[in-house]
Amino acid sequence: MTINSSRLTHPSLGKQITIIDCPGHPRLAHLLQQSLTTQPPHGVLLLLDAANLKQNLHEMANNVYSTLLMLPRPCHVLVVANKSDLFTALPVAKIRELLEEAISSLKKTRDEAVVDEDERSTLGGIPFNFDELENEGIDVEWTRGSTESREVAGILEWISGRIS
């Protein structure tokens, strides 16, 4: 499997940008790591399934946290509650709350498994809070959207603010 990339032009952006799509599956994390080292990003979009988050919360939390650990510093991140147009979609604030709780639990479990302090690869505190990542060079913002119904105004606005 390879990383997909494409050039995007939109009137609100004012110029062409390159979008790189990295698969979110943990077995393919090496592709993201490779992409981050060869092409440092201006920003990173994390699309989360807002309609299916509760069923996959621990897996999504692990993927989000692992991705945050890989990012170069400084880095801007936009977490997108995708499929927010669906009836079963959770609101952005609830998604953030659930992820912070799940990442706190994940970090606690990882920390208990590590004997040597130098081996700990941590980001943020316990309890985990996305706002605290700004102190570590990662600025995290949130929006809702739907790629299926083309509800992407929040995404385009965020991108245009990062490439000016």
C-alpha atoms as a PDB file:
ATOM      1  CA  MET A   1       0.000   0.000   0.000  1.00  0.00           C
ATOM      2  CA  THR A   2       1.198   3.505  -0.772  1.00  0.00           C
ATOM      3  CA  ILE A   3       0.322   7.001   0.296  1.00  0.00           C
ATOM      4  CA  ASN A   4      -2.028   8.876  -2.016  1.00  0.00           C
ATOM      5  CA  SER A   5      -1.298  12.476  -2.850  1.00  0.00           C
ATOM      6  CA  SER A   6      -3.083  15.046  -4.931  1.00  0.00           C
ATOM      7  CA  ARG A   7      -2.919  18.747  -5.799  1.00  0.00           C
ATOM      8  CA  LEU A   8      -5.927  20.761  -4.607  1.00  0.00           C
ATOM      9  CA  THR A   9      -7.098  24.068  -5.972  1.00  0.00           C
ATOM     10  CA  HIS A  10     -10.002  25.903  -4.410  1.00  0.00           C
ATOM     11  CA  PRO A  11     -10.973  29.582  -4.799  1.00  0.00           C
ATOM     12  CA  SER A  12     -10.790  30.139  -1.036  1.00  0.00           C
ATOM     13  CA  LEU A  13      -7.169  28.937  -0.926  1.00  0.00           C
ATOM     14  CA  GLY A  14      -5.767  31.236  -3.579  1.00  0.00           C
ATOM     15  CA  LYS A  15      -3.142  28.726  -4.681  1.00  0.00           C
ATOM     16  CA  GLN A  16      -2.536  25.027  -5.202  1.00  0.00           C
ATOM     17  CA  ILE A  17      -1.656  22.842  -2.240  1.00  0.00           C
ATOM     18  CA  THR A  18      -0.613  19.221  -1.967  1.00  0.00           C
ATOM     19  CA  ILE A  19      -2.788  16.910   0.093  1.00  0.00           C
ATOM     20  CA  ILE A  20      -1.216  13.667   1.263  1.00  0.00           C
ATOM     21  CA  ASP A  21      -3.590  10.928   2.412  1.00  0.00           C
ATOM     22  CA  CYS A  22      -2.019   8.499   4.861  1.00  0.00           C
ATOM     23  CA  PRO A  23      -3.997   5.425   5.895  1.00  0.00           C
ATOM     24  CA  GLY A  24      -5.064   5.421   9.530  1.00  0.00           C
ATOM     25  CA  HIS A  25      -4.552   1.728  10.177  1.00  0.00           C
ATOM     26  CA  PRO A  26      -1.876   1.008  12.837  1.00  0.00           C
ATOM     27  CA  ARG A  27      -0.120  -1.553  10.622  1.00  0.00           C
ATOM     28  CA  LEU A  28       0.482   1.231   8.098  1.00  0.00           C
ATOM     29  CA  ALA A  29       1.833   3.803  10.577  1.00  0.00           C
ATOM     30  CA  HIS A  30       5.276   3.458   9.002  1.00  0.00           C
ATOM     31  CA  LEU A  31       3.873   5.132   5.862  1.00  0.00           C
ATOM     32  CA  LEU A  32       2.857   8.164   7.894  1.00  0.00           C
ATOM     33  CA  GLN A  33       6.250   8.272   9.600  1.00  0.00           C
ATOM     34  CA  GLN A  34       7.971   8.060   6.216  1.00  0.00           C
ATOM     35  CA  SER A  35       5.801  10.845   4.807  1.00  0.00           C
ATOM     36  CA  LEU A  36       6.442  13.123   7.796  1.00  0.00           C
ATOM     37  CA  THR A  37      10.218  12.780   7.437  1.00  0.00           C
ATOM     38  CA  THR A  38      10.333  13.279   3.665  1.00  0.00           C
ATOM     39  CA  GLN A  39       7.751  16.082   3.453  1.00  0.00           C
ATOM     40  CA  PRO A  40       7.297  18.018   6.715  1.00  0.00           C
ATOM     41  CA  PRO A  41       3.684  19.224   6.739  1.00  0.00           C
ATOM     42  CA  HIS A  42       2.303  22.736   7.089  1.00  0.00           C
ATOM     43  CA  GLY A  43      -0.583  21.088   8.897  1.00  0.00           C
ATOM     44  CA  VAL A  44      -2.168  17.726   9.623  1.00  0.00           C
ATOM     45  CA  LEU A  45      -5.831  16.806   9.320  1.00  0.00           C
ATOM     46  CA  LEU A  46      -7.106  13.924  11.411  1.00  0.00           C
ATOM     47  CA  LEU A  47     -10.479  12.733  10.122  1.00  0.00           C
ATOM     48  CA  LEU A  48     -12.436  10.782  12.715  1.00  0.00           C
ATOM     49  CA  ASP A  49     -15.703   8.986  12.080  1.00  0.00           C
ATOM     50  CA  ALA A  50     -18.102  10.955  14.306  1.00  0.00           C
ATOM     51  CA  ALA A  51     -20.896   8.465  13.663  1.00  0.00           C
ATOM     52  CA  ASN A  52     -18.865   5.430  14.740  1.00  0.00           C
ATOM     53  CA  LEU A  53     -16.509   6.763  17.395  1.00  0.00           C
ATOM     54  CA  LYS A  54     -17.976   5.033  20.437  1.00  0.00           C
ATOM     55  CA  GLN A  55     -17.650   1.588  18.822  1.00  0.00           C
ATOM     56  CA  ASN A  56     -13.992   2.187  17.953  1.00  0.00           C
ATOM     57  CA  LEU A  57     -13.001   4.638  20.699  1.00  0.00           C
ATOM     58  CA  HIS A  58      -9.920   2.842  22.028  1.00  0.00           C
ATOM     59  CA  GLU A  59      -8.533   2.113  18.568  1.00  0.00           C
ATOM     60  CA  MET A  60      -9.134   5.716  17.462  1.00  0.00           C
ATOM     61  CA  ALA A  61      -7.576   7.096  20.653  1.00  0.00           C
ATOM     62  CA  ASN A  62      -4.515   4.926  20.129  1.00  0.00           C
ATOM     63  CA  ASN A  63      -4.220   6.055  16.498  1.00  0.00           C
ATOM     64  CA  VAL A  64      -4.653   9.738  17.379  1.00  0.00           C
ATOM     65  CA  TYR A  65      -2.116   9.591  20.210  1.00  0.00           C
ATOM     66  CA  SER A  66       0.403   7.593  18.161  1.00  0.00           C
ATOM     67  CA  THR A  67       0.061  10.109  15.321  1.00  0.00           C
ATOM     68  CA  LEU A  68       0.559  13.047  17.686  1.00  0.00           C
ATOM     69  CA  LEU A  69       3.753  11.434  18.997  1.00  0.00           C
ATOM     70  CA  MET A  70       5.159  11.210  15.429  1.00  0.00           C
ATOM     71  CA  LEU A  71       4.519  14.798  14.413  1.00  0.00           C
ATOM     72  CA  PRO A  72       7.380  17.228  13.855  1.00  0.00           C
ATOM     73  CA  ARG A  73       7.376  20.296  16.089  1.00  0.00           C
ATOM     74  CA  PRO A  74       5.931  22.840  15.681  1.00  0.00           C
ATOM     75  CA  CYS A  75       2.846  21.465  13.957  1.00  0.00           C
ATOM     76  CA  HIS A  76      -0.757  22.537  13.437  1.00  0.00           C
ATOM     77  CA  VAL A  77      -3.416  19.831  13.690  1.00  0.00           C
ATOM     78  CA  LEU A  78      -7.087  19.967  12.761  1.00  0.00           C
ATOM     79  CA  VAL A  79      -9.240  17.179  14.147  1.00  0.00           C
ATOM     80  CA  VAL A  80     -12.303  16.794  11.930  1.00  0.00           C
ATOM     81  CA  ALA A  81     -15.448  15.097  13.179  1.00  0.00           C
ATOM     82  CA  ASN A  82     -16.249  13.570   9.798  1.00  0.00           C
ATOM     83  CA  LYS A  83     -19.737  12.301   8.907  1.00  0.00           C
ATOM     84  CA  SER A  84     -21.167  14.937  11.230  1.00  0.00           C
ATOM     85  CA  ASP A  85     -24.209  15.185   8.976  1.00  0.00           C
ATOM     86  CA  LEU A  86     -25.385  11.730  10.087  1.00  0.00           C
ATOM     87  CA  PHE A  87     -28.012  11.314  12.810  1.00  0.00           C
ATOM     88  CA  THR A  88     -25.731   9.069  14.879  1.00  0.00           C
ATOM     89  CA  ALA A  89     -22.791  11.514  14.816  1.00  0.00           C
ATOM     90  CA  LEU A  90     -21.453  12.797  18.111  1.00  0.00           C
ATOM     91  CA  PRO A  91     -20.846  16.531  18.575  1.00  0.00           C
ATOM     92  CA  VAL A  92     -17.240  17.748  18.411  1.00  0.00           C
ATOM     93  CA  ALA A  93     -17.110  18.593  22.143  1.00  0.00           C
ATOM     94  CA  LYS A  94     -18.216  15.046  23.069  1.00  0.00           C
ATOM     95  CA  ILE A  95     -15.672  13.484  20.708  1.00  0.00           C
ATOM     96  CA  ARG A  96     -12.919  15.570  22.270  1.00  0.00           C
ATOM     97  CA  GLU A  97     -14.027  14.614  25.795  1.00  0.00           C
ATOM     98  CA  LEU A  98     -14.166  10.889  24.960  1.00  0.00           C
ATOM     99  CA  LEU A  99     -10.750  10.987  23.267  1.00  0.00           C
ATOM    100  CA  GLU A 100      -9.151  12.816  26.185  1.00  0.00           C
ATOM    101  CA  GLU A 101     -10.527  10.204  28.612  1.00  0.00           C
ATOM    102  CA  ALA A 102      -9.427   7.298  26.409  1.00  0.00           C
ATOM    103  CA  ILE A 103      -5.937   8.765  25.818  1.00  0.00           C
ATOM    104  CA  SER A 104      -5.560   9.373  29.572  1.00  0.00           C
ATOM    105  CA  SER A 105      -6.327   5.707  30.173  1.00  0.00           C
ATOM    106  CA  LEU A 106      -3.983   4.640  27.372  1.00  0.00           C
ATOM    107  CA  LYS A 107      -1.123   6.763  28.742  1.00  0.00           C
ATOM    108  CA  LYS A 108      -1.635   5.391  32.245  1.00  0.00           C
ATOM    109  CA  THR A 109      -1.501   1.812  30.935  1.00  0.00           C
ATOM    110  CA  ARG A 110       1.614   2.521  28.842  1.00  0.00           C
ATOM    111  CA  ASP A 111       3.353   4.256  31.745  1.00  0.00           C
ATOM    112  CA  GLU A 112       2.694   1.319  34.072  1.00  0.00           C
ATOM    113  CA  ALA A 113       4.223  -1.076  31.538  1.00  0.00           C
ATOM    114  CA  VAL A 114       7.466   0.902  31.185  1.00  0.00           C
ATOM    115  CA  VAL A 115      10.154   0.317  33.805  1.00  0.00           C
ATOM    116  CA  ASP A 116      12.818   2.776  32.613  1.00  0.00           C
ATOM    117  CA  GLU A 117      11.780   6.449  32.701  1.00  0.00           C
ATOM    118  CA  ASP A 118      13.961   7.164  29.657  1.00  0.00           C
ATOM    119  CA  GLU A 119      11.884   4.764  27.554  1.00  0.00           C
ATOM    120  CA  ARG A 120       8.662   6.693  28.109  1.00  0.00           C
ATOM    121  CA  SER A 121       7.482   8.538  25.054  1.00  0.00           C
ATOM    122  CA  THR A 122       4.814  10.805  26.431  1.00  0.00           C
ATOM    123  CA  LEU A 123       2.943  13.798  25.196  1.00  0.00           C
ATOM    124  CA  GLY A 124       0.674  15.831  27.416  1.00  0.00           C
ATOM    125  CA  GLY A 125      -0.142  15.101  31.010  1.00  0.00           C
ATOM    126  CA  ILE A 126      -2.504  12.835  32.877  1.00  0.00           C
ATOM    127  CA  PRO A 127      -5.307  13.601  32.652  1.00  0.00           C
ATOM    128  CA  PHE A 128      -4.630  14.204  28.984  1.00  0.00           C
ATOM    129  CA  ASN A 129      -5.864  17.506  27.544  1.00  0.00           C
ATOM    130  CA  PHE A 130      -5.438  18.579  23.922  1.00  0.00           C
ATOM    131  CA  ASP A 131      -4.953  22.224  24.988  1.00  0.00           C
ATOM    132  CA  GLU A 132      -1.748  21.311  26.858  1.00  0.00           C
ATOM    133  CA  LEU A 133      -0.121  20.112  23.622  1.00  0.00           C
ATOM    134  CA  GLU A 134       0.406  23.718  22.575  1.00  0.00           C
ATOM    135  CA  ASN A 135       3.167  23.881  25.227  1.00  0.00           C
ATOM    136  CA  GLU A 136       4.852  21.009  23.350  1.00  0.00           C
ATOM    137  CA  GLY A 137       4.603  22.627  19.905  1.00  0.00           C
ATOM    138  CA  ILE A 138       1.367  21.044  18.696  1.00  0.00           C
ATOM    139  CA  ASP A 139      -1.569  23.373  18.122  1.00  0.00           C
ATOM    140  CA  VAL A 140      -4.783  21.313  17.976  1.00  0.00           C
ATOM    141  CA  GLU A 141      -8.035  22.745  16.635  1.00  0.00           C
ATOM    142  CA  TRP A 142     -11.395  21.071  16.069  1.00  0.00           C
ATOM    143  CA  THR A 143     -14.179  21.263  13.495  1.00  0.00           C
ATOM    144  CA  ARG A 144     -16.995  19.207  12.096  1.00  0.00           C
ATOM    145  CA  GLY A 145     -17.586  18.261   8.502  1.00  0.00           C
ATOM    146  CA  SER A 146     -18.603  15.638   6.025  1.00  0.00           C
ATOM    147  CA  THR A 147     -16.512  14.687   3.052  1.00  0.00           C
ATOM    148  CA  GLU A 148     -19.437  12.685   1.641  1.00  0.00           C
ATOM    149  CA  SER A 149     -21.855  15.644   1.598  1.00  0.00           C
ATOM    150  CA  ARG A 150     -19.043  18.114   0.866  1.00  0.00           C
ATOM    151  CA  GLU A 151     -19.456  19.985   4.148  1.00  0.00           C
ATOM    152  CA  VAL A 152     -15.827  21.112   4.171  1.00  0.00           C
ATOM    153  CA  ALA A 153     -15.946  24.880   4.817  1.00  0.00           C
ATOM    154  CA  GLY A 154     -14.263  24.526   8.227  1.00  0.00           C
ATOM    155  CA  ILE A 155     -11.489  22.426   6.708  1.00  0.00           C
ATOM    156  CA  LEU A 156     -10.861  24.856   3.844  1.00  0.00           C
ATOM    157  CA  GLU A 157     -10.849  27.817   6.224  1.00  0.00           C
ATOM    158  CA  TRP A 158      -8.288  26.093   8.442  1.00  0.00           C
ATOM    159  CA  ILE A 159      -6.087  25.168   5.460  1.00  0.00           C
ATOM    160  CA  SER A 160      -6.202  28.703   4.035  1.00  0.00           C
ATOM    161  CA  GLY A 161      -5.088  30.047   7.428  1.00  0.00           C
ATOM    162  CA  ARG A 162      -2.019  27.759   7.399  1.00  0.00           C
ATOM    163  CA  ILE A 163      -0.730  28.391   3.871  1.00  0.00           C
ATOM    164  CA  SER A 164      -0.918  32.174   3.622  1.00  0.00           C
END
